[in-house]
Amino acid sequence: RFCFPLVLASLPTMATGEEIPPALQDSWGEFWLFRFFVNAAGYASIVVPGFLLIQYFKRRNYLETGRGICFPVIKSCVFGSEAKSVHQEDGSLPPRAEPTESSTARQVFKLLFCAAGLQASYLTWGVLQERVMTRTYGATEMDPGEKFKDSQFLVFMNRILAFTVAGLYCALTKQPRHGAPMYKYSFASLSNILSSWCQYEALKYISFPTQVLAKASKVIPVMMMGKLVSRKSYEYWEYLTAALISVGVSMFLLSSAPNRHVSTVTTFSGIVLLAGYIIFDSFTSNWQDALFTYKMSPVQMMFGVNVFSCLFTVGSLLEQGALLESVRFMARHSEFTAHAVLLSVCSACGQLFIFYTINQFGAAVFTIIMTLRQAFAILLSCLIYGHTVTVVGGLGVAVVFMALFLRVYARSRMKKRSKKLPPGETPVQKV
């Protein structure tokens, strides 16, 4: 009975031929695969009863036969209140408002504001993410300190603040009448919290620059998921840029320095976690794309997804007894409390900047800003935390970002060309 846990605990060592850092040797219960299944079991304890309830109400034809105080709530959660609308042109967001009688100086100021807000939010978020997951708290000359290990609690912190911000925004501003069945948000929510958990957990095994490069390559599984989930078609340049991104990421991952620091070693566990992040995140974006066929704003989407994210994470944390343990860690280390709160603030504000930027300037400008952010994030991480990048690795990074900019340029050209097409012709769908 003790063999299976020992085999699980030894997997990272066997795969990489290296010793596991002391922080990861505490017990087999600290191994990421075990924690993943424990978290998944916690989510299943909420998903399975919810699924059975939904099936029960559908079989009873509750929409016609239901009565009472609970009827509006059950109708909204299980059936929704509106039919689907015509799919938006960009597949995910309502058309952005064109500026009317706005001076060039005002537009430049708005662009700088959006760029500064996105860069400040996500660069700070990246630095704090690496600090929280890879460094110790409470270290003194006599005490090495302790690391925070529960990635799920950080996901919960991010989601509870995002839920609050989105709720306040929806309450204070005019939003479209909501029509999607609420339970459909749970699919995107589940994949979203799993992708975020993999993202945090991966930093225990790989460097932050490696993680950023892996994120840049997620366009490949997004295209694959797009074919499977949304039945999309793609142009030749999309396959070309995806191949270039793969080559660049491979160059970076396979490059090696003779005296590379332990924290920059890409381990087997880190690669698996990154793959999990990319797969779950790709499903999230495509499922949200399908949900936007209902009349809703991006902030309503943010609110709906985070409602279930808070429910899943707090339920799983309570079942494991990890919520009180994490709160005690916060009480012991005020510095961690500040970092966790600021991490959540940056995540929530970053999402609002995303919506505002796309609404004002479109997806192409937003993609350029975020691509530059990824490059700055790698540079900042190397400067602050001392990561080394070889010449081959640097060339790989350059290839990745060249492919990303080429993708933005080709997409903008396609969009302009599609506007000039005759009324009977339709362009190929975009990613």
Protein backbone atom coordinates (compact mmCIF):
# COMPACT_ATOMS: atom_id res chain seq x y z
CA ARG A 1 0.00 0.00 0.00
CA PHE A 2 2.99 2.30 0.46
CA CYS A 3 4.54 1.62 -2.96
CA PHE A 4 2.23 3.87 -5.02
CA PRO A 5 2.92 7.09 -3.05
CA LEU A 6 6.66 6.39 -3.21
CA VAL A 7 6.51 5.91 -6.98
CA LEU A 8 4.57 9.18 -7.39
CA ALA A 9 7.05 11.06 -5.25
CA SER A 10 10.00 9.75 -7.27
CA LEU A 11 8.60 10.60 -10.72
CA PRO A 12 10.22 14.07 -11.02
CA THR A 13 13.62 12.65 -10.00
CA MET A 14 13.45 9.73 -12.42
CA ALA A 15 12.36 11.99 -15.28
CA THR A 16 15.11 14.58 -14.88
CA GLY A 17 17.90 12.64 -13.23
CA GLU A 18 18.24 15.41 -10.65
CA GLU A 19 17.47 15.81 -6.98
CA ILE A 20 14.20 17.36 -5.93
CA PRO A 21 14.70 20.62 -4.02
CA PRO A 22 14.40 20.17 -0.22
CA ALA A 23 11.15 22.15 -0.15
CA LEU A 24 9.57 19.47 -2.37
CA GLN A 25 10.84 16.51 -0.35
CA ASP A 26 8.66 17.04 2.72
CA SER A 27 6.31 14.17 1.92
CA TRP A 28 4.66 12.41 -0.97
CA GLY A 29 1.53 14.37 -0.06
CA GLU A 30 3.31 17.53 -1.26
CA PHE A 31 3.79 16.11 -4.76
CA TRP A 32 1.85 18.15 -7.32
CA LEU A 33 0.06 15.17 -8.89
CA PHE A 34 -1.39 14.12 -5.54
CA ARG A 35 -2.53 17.69 -4.80
CA PHE A 36 -4.06 17.94 -8.28
CA PHE A 37 -6.24 14.89 -7.69
CA VAL A 38 -7.19 16.08 -4.20
CA ASN A 39 -8.27 19.44 -5.63
CA ALA A 40 -10.14 17.72 -8.47
CA ALA A 41 -11.97 15.54 -5.94
CA GLY A 42 -13.04 18.69 -4.10
CA TYR A 43 -14.40 20.21 -7.31
CA ALA A 44 -16.18 16.94 -8.16
CA SER A 45 -17.98 17.02 -4.81
CA ILE A 46 -19.68 20.21 -6.05
CA VAL A 47 -19.94 19.46 -9.78
CA VAL A 48 -21.53 16.00 -9.51
CA PRO A 49 -24.49 17.02 -7.26
CA GLY A 50 -24.97 20.12 -9.41
CA PHE A 51 -25.03 18.01 -12.58
CA LEU A 52 -27.59 15.63 -11.06
CA LEU A 53 -29.80 18.57 -10.02
CA ILE A 54 -29.67 20.07 -13.51
CA GLN A 55 -30.62 16.73 -15.08
CA TYR A 56 -33.46 16.37 -12.58
CA PHE A 57 -34.96 19.79 -13.41
CA LYS A 58 -34.64 19.15 -17.14
CA ARG A 59 -36.32 15.75 -16.94
CA ARG A 60 -39.17 17.22 -14.91
CA ASN A 61 -39.65 19.91 -17.56
CA TYR A 62 -39.38 22.43 -14.74
CA LEU A 63 -39.57 25.40 -17.11
CA GLU A 64 -43.26 24.69 -17.75
CA THR A 65 -44.28 23.06 -14.48
CA GLY A 66 -42.19 24.94 -11.90
CA ARG A 67 -43.71 27.42 -9.44
CA GLY A 68 -42.81 29.17 -6.23
CA ILE A 69 -40.14 31.51 -4.87
CA CYS A 70 -37.24 29.44 -6.22
CA PHE A 71 -38.55 29.35 -9.80
CA PRO A 72 -36.72 32.50 -11.08
CA VAL A 73 -33.41 31.34 -9.57
CA ILE A 74 -33.68 27.81 -10.96
CA LYS A 75 -34.79 29.13 -14.35
CA SER A 76 -31.79 31.48 -14.53
CA CYS A 77 -29.30 28.82 -13.41
CA VAL A 78 -30.57 25.90 -15.49
CA PHE A 79 -32.49 27.28 -18.49
CA GLY A 80 -31.55 30.93 -18.96
CA SER A 81 -33.92 33.63 -20.07
CA GLU A 82 -33.02 34.51 -23.66
CA ALA A 83 -32.31 32.82 -26.96
CA LYS A 84 -28.90 33.04 -28.52
CA SER A 85 -27.98 36.13 -30.48
CA VAL A 86 -26.08 36.38 -33.72
CA HIS A 87 -22.40 35.69 -33.06
CA GLN A 88 -20.23 38.76 -32.82
CA GLU A 89 -17.77 39.45 -35.61
CA ASP A 90 -14.64 38.82 -33.54
CA GLY A 91 -16.07 35.74 -31.87
CA SER A 92 -15.60 36.93 -28.32
CA LEU A 93 -16.33 40.57 -27.69
CA PRO A 94 -18.95 43.10 -28.73
CA PRO A 95 -17.84 45.52 -31.42
CA ARG A 96 -15.78 48.33 -29.96
CA ALA A 97 -17.17 51.81 -29.91
CA GLU A 98 -15.67 54.03 -32.57
CA PRO A 99 -14.42 57.35 -31.19
CA THR A 100 -16.52 60.30 -32.28
CA GLU A 101 -15.05 63.79 -32.59
CA SER A 102 -12.06 62.81 -30.49
CA SER A 103 -8.81 64.66 -30.95
CA THR A 104 -5.56 62.86 -31.78
CA ALA A 105 -4.03 63.99 -28.50
CA ARG A 106 -6.93 62.48 -26.56
CA GLN A 107 -6.59 59.16 -28.39
CA VAL A 108 -2.84 59.11 -27.77
CA PHE A 109 -3.45 59.77 -24.07
CA LYS A 110 -5.99 56.92 -23.92
CA LEU A 111 -3.55 54.57 -25.66
CA LEU A 112 -0.74 55.48 -23.27
CA PHE A 113 -3.11 55.04 -20.33
CA CYS A 114 -4.14 51.57 -21.53
CA ALA A 115 -0.55 50.53 -22.26
CA ALA A 116 0.70 51.81 -18.90
CA GLY A 117 -2.16 50.15 -17.03
CA LEU A 118 -1.64 46.78 -18.71
CA GLN A 119 2.14 46.87 -18.29
CA ALA A 120 1.99 47.96 -14.64
CA SER A 121 -0.71 45.42 -13.73
CA TYR A 122 0.79 42.37 -15.38
CA LEU A 123 4.48 43.11 -14.86
CA THR A 124 3.83 43.60 -11.15
CA TRP A 125 1.67 40.48 -11.15
CA GLY A 126 4.48 38.45 -12.77
CA VAL A 127 7.15 39.63 -10.34
CA LEU A 128 4.92 38.95 -7.33
CA GLN A 129 3.88 35.55 -8.67
CA GLU A 130 7.50 34.44 -8.88
CA ARG A 131 8.29 35.93 -5.46
CA VAL A 132 5.39 34.15 -3.73
CA MET A 133 5.98 30.72 -5.28
CA THR A 134 9.79 30.52 -5.28
CA ARG A 135 11.04 32.44 -2.22
CA THR A 136 10.74 31.94 1.53
CA TYR A 137 9.04 34.15 4.13
CA GLY A 138 10.28 34.91 7.63
CA ALA A 139 13.91 34.01 6.92
CA THR A 140 16.48 35.08 9.54
CA GLU A 141 20.10 34.24 10.25
CA MET A 142 19.01 31.31 12.41
CA ASP A 143 15.82 30.32 10.56
CA PRO A 144 15.70 29.59 6.78
CA GLY A 145 12.02 30.60 6.71
CA GLU A 146 9.14 28.76 5.03
CA LYS A 147 7.62 28.71 1.58
CA PHE A 148 3.95 29.11 0.79
CA LYS A 149 2.85 25.90 -0.93
CA ASP A 150 -0.90 26.06 -1.54
CA SER A 151 -1.40 27.39 -5.07
CA GLN A 152 -5.17 26.90 -4.81
CA PHE A 153 -5.42 29.53 -2.09
CA LEU A 154 -3.78 32.09 -4.39
CA VAL A 155 -6.27 31.19 -7.11
CA PHE A 156 -9.08 31.72 -4.59
CA MET A 157 -7.67 35.14 -3.58
CA ASN A 158 -7.51 36.24 -7.21
CA ARG A 159 -11.01 35.03 -8.01
CA ILE A 160 -12.75 36.51 -4.97
CA LEU A 161 -11.42 39.98 -5.78
CA ALA A 162 -12.20 39.63 -9.49
CA PHE A 163 -15.74 38.51 -8.55
CA THR A 164 -16.15 41.59 -6.32
CA VAL A 165 -14.81 44.02 -8.93
CA ALA A 166 -16.93 42.55 -11.73
CA GLY A 167 -20.04 42.54 -9.52
CA LEU A 168 -19.61 46.19 -8.59
CA TYR A 169 -18.97 47.14 -12.23
CA CYS A 170 -22.14 45.32 -13.38
CA ALA A 171 -24.17 46.95 -10.58
CA LEU A 172 -22.96 50.49 -11.35
CA THR A 173 -23.05 50.40 -15.16
CA LYS A 174 -25.70 49.46 -17.70
CA GLN A 175 -25.30 45.91 -18.97
CA PRO A 176 -27.17 43.82 -21.58
CA ARG A 177 -30.00 41.65 -20.31
CA HIS A 178 -28.42 38.38 -19.28
CA GLY A 179 -29.75 35.25 -20.96
CA ALA A 180 -27.21 32.42 -20.66
CA PRO A 181 -27.94 29.54 -18.25
CA MET A 182 -25.66 30.16 -15.28
CA TYR A 183 -24.44 26.59 -15.06
CA LYS A 184 -22.66 26.95 -18.42
CA TYR A 185 -20.14 29.30 -16.79
CA SER A 186 -19.01 26.41 -14.58
CA PHE A 187 -17.21 24.69 -17.47
CA ALA A 188 -15.05 27.74 -18.20
CA SER A 189 -14.63 28.33 -14.47
CA LEU A 190 -13.35 24.81 -13.80
CA SER A 191 -10.83 24.89 -16.64
CA ASN A 192 -9.82 28.43 -15.63
CA ILE A 193 -8.99 27.57 -12.01
CA LEU A 194 -7.16 24.41 -13.10
CA SER A 195 -5.06 26.39 -15.60
CA SER A 196 -4.27 29.02 -12.96
CA TRP A 197 -3.33 26.30 -10.45
CA CYS A 198 -0.97 24.69 -13.00
CA GLN A 199 0.53 28.12 -13.71
CA TYR A 200 1.34 28.79 -10.05
CA GLU A 201 2.47 25.23 -9.36
CA ALA A 202 4.79 25.15 -12.38
CA LEU A 203 6.94 27.90 -10.88
CA LYS A 204 8.11 25.42 -8.24
CA TYR A 205 9.84 23.45 -11.00
CA ILE A 206 10.71 25.84 -13.83
CA SER A 207 11.87 29.42 -14.27
CA PHE A 208 9.49 32.30 -14.93
CA PRO A 209 11.01 33.09 -18.40
CA THR A 210 10.31 29.49 -19.44
CA GLN A 211 6.71 29.87 -18.30
CA VAL A 212 6.27 33.10 -20.28
CA LEU A 213 7.61 31.47 -23.45
CA ALA A 214 5.28 28.52 -22.94
CA LYS A 215 2.32 30.92 -22.63
CA ALA A 216 3.29 32.49 -25.94
CA SER A 217 3.08 29.06 -27.57
CA LYS A 218 -0.48 28.42 -26.41
CA VAL A 219 -1.75 29.70 -29.77
CA ILE A 220 -1.08 26.16 -31.09
CA PRO A 221 -3.45 24.30 -28.74
CA VAL A 222 -5.90 27.21 -29.03
CA MET A 223 -6.06 26.53 -32.77
CA MET A 224 -6.49 22.80 -32.13
CA MET A 225 -9.27 23.45 -29.60
CA GLY A 226 -10.84 25.91 -32.04
CA LYS A 227 -11.13 23.15 -34.63
CA LEU A 228 -12.58 20.69 -32.12
CA VAL A 229 -14.89 22.98 -30.09
CA SER A 230 -15.84 25.79 -32.49
CA ARG A 231 -15.18 24.11 -35.89
CA LYS A 232 -13.01 27.03 -37.02
CA SER A 233 -10.87 27.27 -40.15
CA TYR A 234 -7.47 28.95 -40.34
CA GLU A 235 -5.31 30.66 -42.93
CA TYR A 236 -1.86 29.40 -44.00
CA TRP A 237 -0.08 32.24 -42.17
CA GLU A 238 -1.66 31.13 -38.90
CA TYR A 239 -0.12 27.68 -39.29
CA LEU A 240 3.21 29.27 -40.30
CA THR A 241 3.39 31.55 -37.26
CA ALA A 242 2.36 28.67 -34.99
CA ALA A 243 5.24 26.61 -36.39
CA LEU A 244 7.69 29.51 -35.86
CA ILE A 245 6.53 29.85 -32.25
CA SER A 246 7.10 26.12 -31.72
CA VAL A 247 10.63 26.38 -33.13
CA GLY A 248 11.46 29.41 -30.97
CA VAL A 249 10.15 27.82 -27.77
CA SER A 250 12.04 24.60 -28.54
CA MET A 251 15.28 26.56 -29.04
CA PHE A 252 14.81 28.24 -25.67
CA LEU A 253 13.95 25.05 -23.80
CA LEU A 254 16.72 22.94 -25.33
CA SER A 255 19.45 25.56 -24.87
CA SER A 256 21.68 24.94 -21.86
CA ALA A 257 24.27 26.89 -19.97
CA PRO A 258 27.24 25.08 -18.35
CA ASN A 259 26.57 26.47 -14.86
CA ARG A 260 22.83 26.91 -14.89
CA HIS A 261 21.26 27.60 -11.48
CA VAL A 262 18.95 24.95 -10.05
CA SER A 263 15.94 27.30 -10.15
CA THR A 264 16.21 27.64 -13.94
CA VAL A 265 16.25 23.90 -14.67
CA THR A 266 13.22 22.81 -16.67
CA THR A 267 12.05 19.59 -15.01
CA PHE A 268 9.66 16.98 -16.20
CA SER A 269 7.04 18.04 -13.67
CA GLY A 270 7.29 21.65 -14.85
CA ILE A 271 6.75 20.63 -18.47
CA VAL A 272 3.69 18.55 -17.55
CA LEU A 273 2.23 21.41 -15.51
CA LEU A 274 2.83 23.88 -18.34
CA ALA A 275 1.13 21.50 -20.75
CA GLY A 276 -1.80 21.31 -18.35
CA TYR A 277 -1.95 25.10 -18.12
CA ILE A 278 -1.98 25.49 -21.91
CA ILE A 279 -4.62 22.79 -22.48
CA PHE A 280 -6.98 24.07 -19.77
CA ASP A 281 -6.51 27.70 -20.85
CA SER A 282 -7.18 26.84 -24.49
CA PHE A 283 -10.44 25.15 -23.53
CA THR A 284 -11.42 28.18 -21.39
CA SER A 285 -11.00 30.68 -24.23
CA ASN A 286 -12.90 28.53 -26.73
CA TRP A 287 -15.74 27.79 -24.30
CA GLN A 288 -16.06 31.49 -23.49
CA ASP A 289 -16.09 32.19 -27.22
CA ALA A 290 -19.07 29.84 -27.54
CA LEU A 291 -20.81 31.48 -24.55
CA PHE A 292 -20.58 34.91 -26.19
CA THR A 293 -23.26 33.73 -28.63
CA TYR A 294 -25.59 34.84 -25.83
CA LYS A 295 -26.13 38.55 -25.31
CA MET A 296 -23.62 39.48 -22.63
CA SER A 297 -20.78 41.88 -21.96
CA PRO A 298 -17.19 40.80 -21.13
CA VAL A 299 -17.67 41.98 -17.54
CA GLN A 300 -20.76 39.79 -17.21
CA MET A 301 -18.64 36.91 -18.44
CA MET A 302 -15.98 37.81 -15.85
CA PHE A 303 -18.62 37.87 -13.11
CA GLY A 304 -20.27 34.58 -14.10
CA VAL A 305 -17.00 32.65 -14.37
CA ASN A 306 -15.67 34.00 -11.07
CA VAL A 307 -18.90 33.13 -9.21
CA PHE A 308 -18.24 29.45 -9.85
CA SER A 309 -14.48 29.85 -9.39
CA CYS A 310 -15.05 31.16 -5.85
CA LEU A 311 -17.53 28.36 -5.14
CA PHE A 312 -15.18 25.60 -6.38
CA THR A 313 -12.01 26.87 -4.71
CA VAL A 314 -13.51 27.75 -1.33
CA GLY A 315 -15.34 24.41 -1.24
CA SER A 316 -12.17 22.47 -2.02
CA LEU A 317 -10.10 24.48 0.49
CA LEU A 318 -12.64 23.90 3.27
CA GLU A 319 -12.84 20.18 2.56
CA GLN A 320 -9.05 19.88 2.77
CA GLY A 321 -8.75 22.14 5.81
CA ALA A 322 -6.32 24.25 3.77
CA LEU A 323 -8.21 27.53 4.10
CA LEU A 324 -7.44 27.94 7.82
CA GLU A 325 -3.86 26.81 7.27
CA SER A 326 -3.33 29.49 4.61
CA VAL A 327 -4.95 32.14 6.82
CA ARG A 328 -2.54 31.16 9.63
CA PHE A 329 0.37 31.54 7.18
CA MET A 330 -0.90 35.04 6.35
CA ALA A 331 -1.07 35.83 10.08
CA ARG A 332 2.53 34.66 10.58
CA HIS A 333 3.91 36.59 7.60
CA SER A 334 2.50 40.05 6.96
CA GLU A 335 4.76 40.40 3.92
CA PHE A 336 3.01 37.44 2.29
CA THR A 337 -0.38 39.01 3.07
CA ALA A 338 0.65 42.19 1.26
CA HIS A 339 1.98 40.22 -1.71
CA ALA A 340 -1.16 38.04 -1.99
CA VAL A 341 -3.51 41.04 -1.83
CA LEU A 342 -1.47 43.03 -4.35
CA LEU A 343 -1.32 39.97 -6.61
CA SER A 344 -5.13 39.80 -6.60
CA VAL A 345 -5.50 43.55 -7.18
CA CYS A 346 -3.16 43.42 -10.19
CA SER A 347 -5.06 40.44 -11.64
CA ALA A 348 -8.48 42.12 -11.28
CA CYS A 349 -7.32 45.52 -12.56
CA GLY A 350 -5.52 43.85 -15.45
CA GLN A 351 -8.76 42.20 -16.60
CA LEU A 352 -10.57 45.57 -16.58
CA PHE A 353 -7.73 47.14 -18.59
CA ILE A 354 -8.05 44.30 -21.09
CA PHE A 355 -11.76 45.00 -21.66
CA TYR A 356 -11.22 48.76 -21.91
CA THR A 357 -8.26 48.49 -24.32
CA ILE A 358 -10.02 46.11 -26.70
CA ASN A 359 -13.16 48.25 -26.61
CA GLN A 360 -11.25 51.44 -27.44
CA PHE A 361 -8.54 50.25 -29.84
CA GLY A 362 -9.36 46.71 -30.94
CA ALA A 363 -7.71 43.33 -30.47
CA ALA A 364 -4.65 44.04 -32.64
CA VAL A 365 -3.41 46.94 -30.49
CA PHE A 366 -4.12 44.95 -27.34
CA THR A 367 -2.12 41.96 -28.65
CA ILE A 368 0.88 44.18 -29.44
CA ILE A 369 0.83 45.66 -25.93
CA MET A 370 0.60 42.24 -24.30
CA THR A 371 3.34 40.81 -26.53
CA LEU A 372 5.66 43.62 -25.43
CA ARG A 373 4.61 42.89 -21.84
CA GLN A 374 5.80 39.29 -22.21
CA ALA A 375 9.20 40.45 -23.43
CA PHE A 376 9.50 42.96 -20.57
CA ALA A 377 8.42 40.25 -18.09
CA ILE A 378 11.28 37.97 -19.17
CA LEU A 379 13.80 40.83 -18.94
CA LEU A 380 12.50 41.93 -15.53
CA SER A 381 12.58 38.39 -14.15
CA CYS A 382 16.16 37.88 -15.31
CA LEU A 383 17.24 41.18 -13.72
CA ILE A 384 15.48 40.66 -10.37
CA TYR A 385 15.87 36.92 -9.85
CA GLY A 386 19.11 36.28 -11.74
CA HIS A 387 17.93 33.88 -14.45
CA THR A 388 20.44 33.20 -17.23
CA VAL A 389 19.58 33.02 -20.94
CA THR A 390 22.05 31.57 -23.46
CA VAL A 391 22.64 32.92 -26.96
CA VAL A 392 20.57 30.12 -28.50
CA GLY A 393 17.85 30.72 -25.93
CA GLY A 394 17.88 34.44 -26.74
CA LEU A 395 17.49 33.66 -30.45
CA GLY A 396 14.56 31.41 -29.58
CA VAL A 397 12.90 34.25 -27.66
CA ALA A 398 13.46 36.56 -30.66
CA VAL A 399 11.87 34.00 -33.03
CA VAL A 400 8.82 33.68 -30.78
CA PHE A 401 8.17 37.41 -30.57
CA MET A 402 8.87 37.90 -34.28
CA ALA A 403 6.19 35.26 -35.00
CA LEU A 404 3.75 36.96 -32.62
CA PHE A 405 4.20 40.37 -34.30
CA LEU A 406 3.91 38.73 -37.74
CA ARG A 407 0.65 37.18 -36.57
CA VAL A 408 -0.72 40.55 -35.48
CA TYR A 409 0.30 42.16 -38.79
CA ALA A 410 -1.22 39.38 -40.91
CA ARG A 411 -4.45 39.45 -38.92
CA SER A 412 -4.81 43.23 -39.34
CA ARG A 413 -4.25 42.86 -43.12
CA MET A 414 -6.87 40.12 -43.28
CA LYS A 415 -9.34 42.26 -41.36
CA LYS A 416 -8.85 45.18 -43.76
CA ARG A 417 -9.23 42.88 -46.76
CA SER A 418 -12.41 41.31 -45.38
CA LYS A 419 -14.02 44.75 -45.18
CA LYS A 420 -13.47 45.17 -48.92
CA LEU A 421 -14.96 41.80 -49.89
CA PRO A 422 -18.16 41.74 -51.98
CA PRO A 423 -21.38 41.22 -49.97
CA GLY A 424 -21.67 37.57 -51.02
CA GLU A 425 -18.22 36.53 -49.82
CA THR A 426 -17.17 35.83 -46.24
CA PRO A 427 -13.65 35.65 -44.87
CA VAL A 428 -12.21 32.63 -43.09
CA GLN A 429 -12.83 32.66 -39.34
CA LYS A 430 -10.01 33.91 -37.14
CA VAL A 431 -8.45 32.48 -34.00
